[in-house]
Each structure stands twice: as C-alpha cells, then as structure tokens.
C-alpha cells in the first residue's frame, strides 16, 4: 500500500521501541511533530548489520565544480581548502575507471583525472586521483572524508 502524499513520519515513543516496534510511524495528521532522520540513523534502523566502513558519517568537506573543470574542496565554513586541477585525458577510452572519492565505477568519458599540489611543496610534488565528471553527484555518493583528509595532510 503506497503512502498518501500528505504522510508524515514521526518518532514512536521509547516504550514502543523496547517492545520491538519500529522507531518511526506514519501519520496523516498535520498537527503532529515531524522528526527528520539522518542517513546514519536510517541505515542503523533498517540495516543493523551494516559494516562500519559502509555506514554514512558526518562529512566536514564538500565538492564544488569550478571553471575549466576544476573541483574545489570546501569546508563547512565555505572556505576553499583545495583546488583539484584536471589533467588532459589519454589512453584507451573503452576502459572503466573507479572514482577515488566516491567509489563509483564508470567509463572513461564519465570520469576525469585530477591533480592537486601537495601542501608545502611549492608546486614540486603533485597527487593524482580519478573522480567523477559531475562533482555534485560524486559528493552525494561519498561516504566519508578519508581521501580528502589524505590530500590535505600532505
């Protein structure tokens, strides 16, 4: 049975949770308080056996597209922390690549090779990674900031 268009999700009382009922319930009355759930809470509730490395975590950085195919790594305050510059493509276009940021696998024409300067190297050392062409989609698929933190660490 599909949910009505006006359905709202509300938290169930703690006593209902202890009796084995789900922590959420569907209601149609507009006066009830509506509670939103984080990605992690949904995964914990519906898939409790999910390994820790697959559970969504709070992210400190987001990816934004910039001019000429550049990708900016922006922190929560809106400061650009890192600029990833595209590298001209070469090689067999029929190969598939895996995005280092989100883990998505796609054809070469849907991916790009990016490089970033190692902090403190004055342009003498670079780090290379593959990434999705669309930074917004890539950012939505990322589970954590591990790769970004490695790039910023130098």
N, C-alpha and C. Protein backbone atom coordinates (compact mmCIF):
# COMPACT_ATOMS: atom_id res chain seq x y z
N UNK A 1 0.84 -1.18 0.00
CA UNK A 1 0.00 0.00 0.00
C UNK A 1 0.89 1.24 0.00
N UNK A 2 0.78 2.11 -1.01
CA UNK A 2 1.62 3.29 -1.05
C UNK A 2 1.19 4.31 -0.01
N UNK A 3 2.14 5.11 0.43
CA UNK A 3 1.85 6.15 1.40
C UNK A 3 1.10 7.28 0.73
N UNK A 4 0.19 7.90 1.44
CA UNK A 4 -0.50 9.06 0.87
C UNK A 4 0.48 10.22 0.70
N UNK A 5 0.17 11.13 -0.18
CA UNK A 5 1.05 12.25 -0.49
C UNK A 5 1.28 13.15 0.72
N UNK A 6 0.34 13.15 1.68
CA UNK A 6 0.47 14.02 2.84
C UNK A 6 1.03 13.30 4.05
N UNK A 7 1.55 12.09 3.88
CA UNK A 7 2.06 11.32 5.01
C UNK A 7 3.27 12.00 5.64
N UNK A 8 3.37 11.91 6.94
CA UNK A 8 4.50 12.45 7.68
C UNK A 8 5.07 11.34 8.55
N UNK A 9 6.35 11.42 8.80
CA UNK A 9 6.99 10.42 9.65
C UNK A 9 7.19 11.04 11.01
N UNK A 10 6.82 10.32 12.06
CA UNK A 10 7.02 10.82 13.42
C UNK A 10 7.66 9.72 14.25
N UNK A 11 8.39 10.12 15.24
CA UNK A 11 9.08 9.17 16.11
C UNK A 11 8.07 8.48 17.01
N UNK A 12 8.27 7.17 17.21
CA UNK A 12 7.42 6.40 18.11
C UNK A 12 7.93 6.60 19.53
N UNK A 13 7.08 6.43 20.53
CA UNK A 13 7.54 6.56 21.92
C UNK A 13 8.60 5.50 22.24
N UNK A 14 9.48 5.81 23.20
CA UNK A 14 10.55 4.88 23.58
C UNK A 14 9.99 3.53 24.05
N UNK A 15 8.84 3.53 24.69
CA UNK A 15 8.26 2.27 25.17
C UNK A 15 7.92 1.36 24.00
N UNK A 16 7.52 1.94 22.87
CA UNK A 16 7.21 1.13 21.69
C UNK A 16 8.48 0.53 21.10
N UNK A 17 9.59 1.25 21.19
CA UNK A 17 10.85 0.74 20.67
C UNK A 17 11.29 -0.47 21.48
N UNK A 18 11.12 -0.41 22.80
CA UNK A 18 11.56 -1.52 23.64
C UNK A 18 10.69 -2.77 23.41
N UNK A 19 9.48 -2.60 22.88
CA UNK A 19 8.62 -3.76 22.59
C UNK A 19 8.88 -4.33 21.20
N UNK A 20 9.90 -3.82 20.49
CA UNK A 20 10.25 -4.37 19.20
C UNK A 20 9.58 -3.69 18.02
N UNK A 21 8.85 -2.64 18.26
CA UNK A 21 8.21 -1.91 17.17
C UNK A 21 9.23 -0.95 16.55
N UNK A 22 9.04 -0.56 15.29
CA UNK A 22 9.99 0.38 14.68
C UNK A 22 9.95 1.74 15.36
N UNK A 23 11.07 2.48 15.23
CA UNK A 23 11.17 3.79 15.86
C UNK A 23 10.39 4.86 15.12
N UNK A 24 9.77 4.54 14.02
CA UNK A 24 9.03 5.53 13.26
C UNK A 24 7.65 4.98 12.95
N UNK A 25 6.74 5.88 12.69
CA UNK A 25 5.37 5.50 12.33
C UNK A 25 4.85 6.54 11.34
N UNK A 26 3.88 6.15 10.54
CA UNK A 26 3.31 7.05 9.55
C UNK A 26 2.03 7.64 10.11
N UNK A 27 1.87 8.94 9.94
CA UNK A 27 0.66 9.61 10.39
C UNK A 27 0.22 10.59 9.31
N UNK A 28 -1.03 10.88 9.28
CA UNK A 28 -1.55 11.83 8.29
C UNK A 28 -2.02 13.12 8.93
N UNK A 29 -1.99 13.21 10.24
CA UNK A 29 -2.47 14.44 10.87
C UNK A 29 -1.39 15.51 10.83
N UNK A 30 -1.74 16.70 10.32
CA UNK A 30 -0.75 17.77 10.15
C UNK A 30 -0.27 18.39 11.45
N UNK A 31 -0.92 18.14 12.59
CA UNK A 31 -0.53 18.77 13.85
C UNK A 31 0.59 18.04 14.58
N UNK A 32 0.89 16.80 14.19
CA UNK A 32 1.94 16.04 14.87
C UNK A 32 3.32 16.59 14.55
N UNK A 33 4.23 16.54 15.53
CA UNK A 33 5.60 16.99 15.23
C UNK A 33 6.28 16.04 14.26
N UNK A 34 7.01 16.60 13.32
CA UNK A 34 7.70 15.81 12.31
C UNK A 34 9.18 15.77 12.67
N UNK A 35 9.75 14.59 12.71
CA UNK A 35 11.17 14.44 13.02
C UNK A 35 11.88 13.94 11.77
N UNK A 36 13.00 14.54 11.46
CA UNK A 36 13.81 14.07 10.34
C UNK A 36 14.89 13.15 10.88
N UNK A 37 15.32 12.20 10.06
CA UNK A 37 16.33 11.24 10.44
C UNK A 37 17.56 11.42 9.57
N UNK A 38 18.73 11.24 10.15
CA UNK A 38 19.97 11.32 9.39
C UNK A 38 20.16 10.04 8.59
N UNK A 39 21.09 10.08 7.63
CA UNK A 39 21.39 8.89 6.84
C UNK A 39 21.83 7.74 7.73
N UNK A 40 22.67 8.06 8.70
CA UNK A 40 23.19 7.02 9.61
C UNK A 40 22.08 6.38 10.44
N UNK A 41 21.13 7.18 10.93
CA UNK A 41 20.02 6.63 11.71
C UNK A 41 19.15 5.69 10.88
N UNK A 42 18.93 6.04 9.62
CA UNK A 42 18.13 5.18 8.74
C UNK A 42 18.85 3.86 8.49
N UNK A 43 20.14 3.93 8.20
CA UNK A 43 20.91 2.70 7.97
C UNK A 43 20.94 1.85 9.24
N UNK A 44 21.17 2.47 10.40
CA UNK A 44 21.20 1.73 11.67
C UNK A 44 19.88 1.04 11.95
N UNK A 45 18.78 1.72 11.66
CA UNK A 45 17.45 1.17 11.94
C UNK A 45 17.07 0.05 10.98
N UNK A 46 17.27 0.26 9.68
CA UNK A 46 16.81 -0.71 8.69
C UNK A 46 17.83 -1.81 8.39
N UNK A 47 19.12 -1.51 8.55
CA UNK A 47 20.18 -2.48 8.24
C UNK A 47 21.19 -2.52 9.38
N UNK A 48 20.83 -3.08 10.52
CA UNK A 48 21.71 -3.01 11.70
C UNK A 48 23.02 -3.78 11.55
N UNK A 49 23.12 -4.71 10.63
CA UNK A 49 24.35 -5.49 10.46
C UNK A 49 25.32 -4.87 9.45
N UNK A 50 25.08 -3.64 9.02
CA UNK A 50 25.94 -2.98 8.04
C UNK A 50 27.33 -2.76 8.66
N UNK A 51 28.40 -3.14 7.94
CA UNK A 51 29.75 -2.90 8.46
C UNK A 51 30.01 -1.41 8.66
N UNK A 52 30.87 -1.09 9.61
CA UNK A 52 31.14 0.30 9.97
C UNK A 52 31.67 1.13 8.80
N UNK A 53 32.50 0.54 7.95
CA UNK A 53 33.07 1.32 6.85
C UNK A 53 32.05 1.66 5.77
N UNK A 54 30.87 1.03 5.79
CA UNK A 54 29.81 1.35 4.83
C UNK A 54 28.74 2.29 5.40
N UNK A 55 28.81 2.58 6.69
CA UNK A 55 27.81 3.46 7.30
C UNK A 55 28.15 4.92 6.99
N UNK A 56 27.14 5.72 6.64
CA UNK A 56 27.41 7.13 6.36
C UNK A 56 27.89 7.86 7.62
N UNK A 57 28.84 8.76 7.45
CA UNK A 57 29.36 9.56 8.55
C UNK A 57 29.17 11.03 8.23
N UNK A 58 29.22 11.84 9.25
CA UNK A 58 29.15 13.29 9.07
C UNK A 58 30.40 13.74 8.31
N UNK A 59 30.20 14.53 7.27
CA UNK A 59 31.34 14.97 6.47
C UNK A 59 31.66 16.43 6.75
N UNK A 60 32.95 16.75 6.77
CA UNK A 60 33.40 18.11 7.02
C UNK A 60 33.62 18.89 5.74
N UNK A 61 33.76 18.21 4.60
CA UNK A 61 34.07 18.85 3.34
C UNK A 61 33.04 18.50 2.28
N UNK A 62 32.88 19.39 1.30
CA UNK A 62 32.02 19.10 0.15
C UNK A 62 32.78 19.46 -1.12
N UNK A 63 32.35 18.88 -2.23
CA UNK A 63 32.98 19.13 -3.52
C UNK A 63 32.12 20.10 -4.32
N UNK A 64 32.78 21.06 -4.97
CA UNK A 64 32.07 22.02 -5.82
C UNK A 64 32.80 22.15 -7.14
N UNK A 65 32.05 22.24 -8.22
CA UNK A 65 32.64 22.45 -9.53
C UNK A 65 33.05 23.91 -9.70
N UNK A 66 34.11 24.13 -10.46
CA UNK A 66 34.58 25.48 -10.75
C UNK A 66 34.87 25.58 -12.24
N UNK A 67 35.36 26.72 -12.67
CA UNK A 67 35.64 26.95 -14.09
C UNK A 67 36.72 26.00 -14.61
N UNK A 68 36.65 25.70 -15.89
CA UNK A 68 37.64 24.89 -16.60
C UNK A 68 37.78 23.48 -16.04
N UNK A 69 36.72 22.92 -15.47
CA UNK A 69 36.74 21.56 -14.98
C UNK A 69 37.39 21.36 -13.63
N UNK A 70 37.75 22.44 -12.96
CA UNK A 70 38.37 22.32 -11.64
C UNK A 70 37.34 21.91 -10.60
N UNK A 71 37.82 21.26 -9.56
CA UNK A 71 36.96 20.84 -8.46
C UNK A 71 37.53 21.46 -7.18
N UNK A 72 36.69 22.15 -6.44
CA UNK A 72 37.11 22.75 -5.18
C UNK A 72 36.64 21.90 -4.02
N UNK A 73 37.51 21.73 -3.04
CA UNK A 73 37.15 21.08 -1.78
C UNK A 73 36.88 22.21 -0.80
N UNK A 74 35.63 22.29 -0.32
CA UNK A 74 35.18 23.40 0.52
C UNK A 74 34.82 22.86 1.89
N UNK A 75 35.26 23.57 2.96
CA UNK A 75 34.90 23.14 4.31
C UNK A 75 33.53 23.69 4.70
N UNK A 76 33.09 23.39 5.90
CA UNK A 76 31.75 23.81 6.35
C UNK A 76 31.59 25.32 6.40
N UNK A 77 32.67 26.04 6.65
CA UNK A 77 32.60 27.50 6.73
C UNK A 77 32.55 28.14 5.35
N UNK A 78 32.72 27.35 4.28
CA UNK A 78 32.67 27.88 2.92
C UNK A 78 34.02 28.27 2.37
N UNK A 79 35.10 27.94 3.08
CA UNK A 79 36.45 28.26 2.61
C UNK A 79 36.96 27.16 1.69
N UNK A 80 37.51 27.55 0.55
CA UNK A 80 38.10 26.58 -0.38
C UNK A 80 39.42 26.10 0.22
N UNK A 81 39.50 24.82 0.53
CA UNK A 81 40.70 24.26 1.15
C UNK A 81 41.66 23.68 0.14
N UNK A 82 41.15 23.26 -1.03
CA UNK A 82 41.98 22.58 -2.01
C UNK A 82 41.37 22.75 -3.38
N UNK A 83 42.21 22.92 -4.39
CA UNK A 83 41.75 23.03 -5.77
C UNK A 83 42.32 21.86 -6.56
N UNK A 84 41.47 21.03 -7.12
CA UNK A 84 41.88 19.90 -7.93
C UNK A 84 41.79 20.32 -9.40
N UNK A 85 42.89 20.21 -10.11
CA UNK A 85 43.01 20.68 -11.50
C UNK A 85 42.91 19.47 -12.43
N UNK A 86 42.12 19.56 -13.52
CA UNK A 86 42.02 18.41 -14.43
C UNK A 86 43.28 18.21 -15.26
N UNK A 87 43.55 16.95 -15.55
CA UNK A 87 44.69 16.57 -16.39
C UNK A 87 44.11 16.13 -17.73
N UNK A 88 44.72 16.51 -18.87
CA UNK A 88 44.18 16.11 -20.18
C UNK A 88 44.09 14.58 -20.29
N UNK A 89 42.97 14.06 -20.81
CA UNK A 89 42.80 12.61 -20.89
C UNK A 89 43.70 11.99 -21.96
N UNK A 90 44.12 10.76 -21.72
CA UNK A 90 44.87 9.99 -22.70
C UNK A 90 44.61 8.52 -22.40
N UNK A 91 44.90 7.66 -23.36
CA UNK A 91 44.70 6.24 -23.15
C UNK A 91 43.46 5.73 -23.82
N UNK A 92 43.15 4.49 -23.60
CA UNK A 92 42.03 3.80 -24.22
C UNK A 92 40.71 4.26 -23.61
N UNK A 93 39.82 4.88 -24.39
CA UNK A 93 38.55 5.38 -23.84
C UNK A 93 37.56 4.27 -23.48
N UNK A 94 37.83 3.03 -23.87
CA UNK A 94 36.89 1.95 -23.56
C UNK A 94 37.11 1.39 -22.15
N UNK A 95 38.19 1.76 -21.49
CA UNK A 95 38.45 1.26 -20.14
C UNK A 95 37.52 1.91 -19.13
N UNK A 96 37.27 1.17 -18.06
CA UNK A 96 36.46 1.69 -16.97
C UNK A 96 37.38 2.13 -15.84
N UNK A 97 37.00 3.21 -15.17
CA UNK A 97 37.78 3.73 -14.07
C UNK A 97 36.93 3.78 -12.81
N UNK A 98 37.58 3.79 -11.66
CA UNK A 98 36.89 3.87 -10.38
C UNK A 98 37.23 5.21 -9.73
N UNK A 99 36.23 5.92 -9.29
CA UNK A 99 36.42 7.22 -8.64
C UNK A 99 37.06 7.01 -7.27
N UNK A 100 38.14 7.73 -7.01
CA UNK A 100 38.83 7.61 -5.73
C UNK A 100 38.06 8.29 -4.59
N UNK A 101 37.16 9.20 -4.91
CA UNK A 101 36.41 9.92 -3.89
C UNK A 101 35.15 9.20 -3.43
N UNK A 102 34.40 8.63 -4.39
CA UNK A 102 33.12 8.02 -4.02
C UNK A 102 33.05 6.52 -4.31
N UNK A 103 34.00 5.97 -5.06
CA UNK A 103 34.00 4.55 -5.35
C UNK A 103 33.16 4.14 -6.54
N UNK A 104 32.56 5.08 -7.24
CA UNK A 104 31.71 4.81 -8.40
C UNK A 104 32.59 4.36 -9.57
N UNK A 105 32.17 3.32 -10.28
CA UNK A 105 32.90 2.84 -11.45
C UNK A 105 32.13 3.23 -12.70
N UNK A 106 32.85 3.80 -13.68
CA UNK A 106 32.19 4.26 -14.90
C UNK A 106 33.19 4.25 -16.05
N UNK A 107 32.66 4.47 -17.27
CA UNK A 107 33.50 4.55 -18.45
C UNK A 107 34.39 5.79 -18.36
N UNK A 108 35.48 5.76 -19.10
CA UNK A 108 36.47 6.82 -19.03
C UNK A 108 35.89 8.20 -19.39
N UNK A 109 34.93 8.25 -20.31
CA UNK A 109 34.37 9.55 -20.70
C UNK A 109 33.50 10.16 -19.60
N UNK A 110 33.12 9.37 -18.57
CA UNK A 110 32.35 9.89 -17.45
C UNK A 110 33.23 10.25 -16.26
N UNK A 111 34.53 9.99 -16.38
CA UNK A 111 35.47 10.24 -15.29
C UNK A 111 36.53 11.24 -15.75
N UNK A 112 37.26 11.78 -14.80
CA UNK A 112 38.35 12.69 -15.11
C UNK A 112 39.51 12.40 -14.18
N UNK A 113 40.70 12.74 -14.62
CA UNK A 113 41.89 12.61 -13.80
C UNK A 113 42.20 14.01 -13.26
N UNK A 114 42.35 14.10 -11.95
CA UNK A 114 42.61 15.39 -11.30
C UNK A 114 43.94 15.33 -10.57
N UNK A 115 44.55 16.49 -10.38
CA UNK A 115 45.77 16.54 -9.59
C UNK A 115 45.68 17.71 -8.63
N UNK A 116 46.37 17.55 -7.51
CA UNK A 116 46.43 18.64 -6.53
C UNK A 116 47.86 18.75 -6.03
N UNK A 117 48.25 19.96 -5.75
CA UNK A 117 49.59 20.20 -5.24
C UNK A 117 49.68 19.72 -3.80
N UNK A 118 50.77 19.05 -3.47
CA UNK A 118 50.99 18.62 -2.09
C UNK A 118 51.27 19.86 -1.26
N UNK A 119 50.54 20.06 -0.16
CA UNK A 119 50.75 21.26 0.65
C UNK A 119 52.22 21.37 1.12
N UNK A 120 52.78 22.55 0.95
CA UNK A 120 54.15 22.80 1.38
C UNK A 120 55.22 22.41 0.37
N UNK A 121 54.84 21.97 -0.83
CA UNK A 121 55.84 21.53 -1.80
C UNK A 121 56.19 22.61 -2.82
N UNK A 122 55.52 23.73 -2.79
CA UNK A 122 55.76 24.85 -3.72
C UNK A 122 55.66 24.41 -5.18
N UNK A 123 54.72 23.53 -5.49
CA UNK A 123 54.48 23.11 -6.86
C UNK A 123 55.44 22.04 -7.38
N UNK A 124 56.25 21.44 -6.53
CA UNK A 124 57.20 20.42 -6.97
C UNK A 124 56.62 19.01 -6.88
N UNK A 125 55.61 18.81 -6.05
CA UNK A 125 55.00 17.48 -5.89
C UNK A 125 53.50 17.58 -6.08
N UNK A 126 52.93 16.55 -6.73
CA UNK A 126 51.50 16.52 -7.02
C UNK A 126 50.92 15.17 -6.62
N UNK A 127 49.65 15.17 -6.27
CA UNK A 127 48.90 13.94 -6.02
C UNK A 127 47.84 13.83 -7.10
N UNK A 128 47.67 12.63 -7.65
CA UNK A 128 46.72 12.39 -8.73
C UNK A 128 45.61 11.48 -8.24
N UNK A 129 44.39 11.72 -8.73
CA UNK A 129 43.26 10.85 -8.41
C UNK A 129 42.25 10.90 -9.53
N UNK A 130 41.48 9.84 -9.63
CA UNK A 130 40.37 9.83 -10.60
C UNK A 130 39.11 10.26 -9.87
N UNK A 131 38.24 10.94 -10.58
CA UNK A 131 37.00 11.43 -9.98
C UNK A 131 35.91 11.49 -11.05
N UNK A 132 34.68 11.55 -10.59
CA UNK A 132 33.54 11.69 -11.48
C UNK A 132 33.56 13.08 -12.13
N UNK A 133 33.04 13.17 -13.36
CA UNK A 133 32.99 14.48 -14.03
C UNK A 133 32.04 15.44 -13.32
N UNK A 134 30.98 14.91 -12.72
CA UNK A 134 30.00 15.74 -12.04
C UNK A 134 30.30 15.76 -10.54
N UNK A 135 30.90 16.84 -10.01
CA UNK A 135 31.27 16.86 -8.59
C UNK A 135 30.06 16.78 -7.65
N UNK A 136 28.91 17.27 -8.08
CA UNK A 136 27.72 17.24 -7.22
C UNK A 136 27.26 15.80 -6.99
N UNK A 137 27.22 15.00 -8.05
CA UNK A 137 26.84 13.59 -7.90
C UNK A 137 27.87 12.81 -7.11
N UNK A 138 29.13 13.11 -7.36
CA UNK A 138 30.21 12.44 -6.64
C UNK A 138 30.12 12.75 -5.15
N UNK A 139 29.86 14.00 -4.82
CA UNK A 139 29.75 14.39 -3.42
C UNK A 139 28.57 13.69 -2.75
N UNK A 140 27.48 13.50 -3.48
CA UNK A 140 26.31 12.83 -2.92
C UNK A 140 26.59 11.35 -2.64
N UNK A 141 27.47 10.73 -3.43
CA UNK A 141 27.79 9.31 -3.24
C UNK A 141 28.88 9.05 -2.21
N UNK A 142 29.67 10.06 -1.86
CA UNK A 142 30.78 9.85 -0.92
C UNK A 142 30.25 9.45 0.44
N UNK A 143 30.92 8.48 1.08
CA UNK A 143 30.52 8.04 2.41
C UNK A 143 31.28 8.76 3.51
N UNK A 144 32.51 9.21 3.23
CA UNK A 144 33.32 9.84 4.27
C UNK A 144 34.35 10.77 3.63
N UNK A 145 35.16 11.38 4.46
CA UNK A 145 36.16 12.35 4.02
C UNK A 145 37.58 11.78 4.03
N UNK A 146 37.75 10.48 4.09
CA UNK A 146 39.08 9.90 4.23
C UNK A 146 40.04 10.33 3.13
N UNK A 147 39.62 10.25 1.86
CA UNK A 147 40.51 10.61 0.75
C UNK A 147 40.83 12.10 0.78
N UNK A 148 39.84 12.94 1.07
CA UNK A 148 40.06 14.38 1.13
C UNK A 148 41.04 14.72 2.25
N UNK A 149 40.90 14.08 3.40
CA UNK A 149 41.81 14.33 4.51
C UNK A 149 43.23 13.91 4.17
N UNK A 150 43.40 12.82 3.41
CA UNK A 150 44.73 12.41 2.98
C UNK A 150 45.34 13.44 2.03
N UNK A 151 44.53 14.02 1.15
CA UNK A 151 45.04 15.05 0.25
C UNK A 151 45.46 16.30 1.00
N UNK A 152 44.71 16.65 2.03
CA UNK A 152 45.02 17.86 2.79
C UNK A 152 46.20 17.65 3.74
N UNK A 153 46.44 16.41 4.13
CA UNK A 153 47.51 16.13 5.08
C UNK A 153 48.89 16.33 4.49
N UNK A 154 49.03 16.11 3.19
CA UNK A 154 50.33 16.32 2.56
C UNK A 154 51.20 15.19 2.67
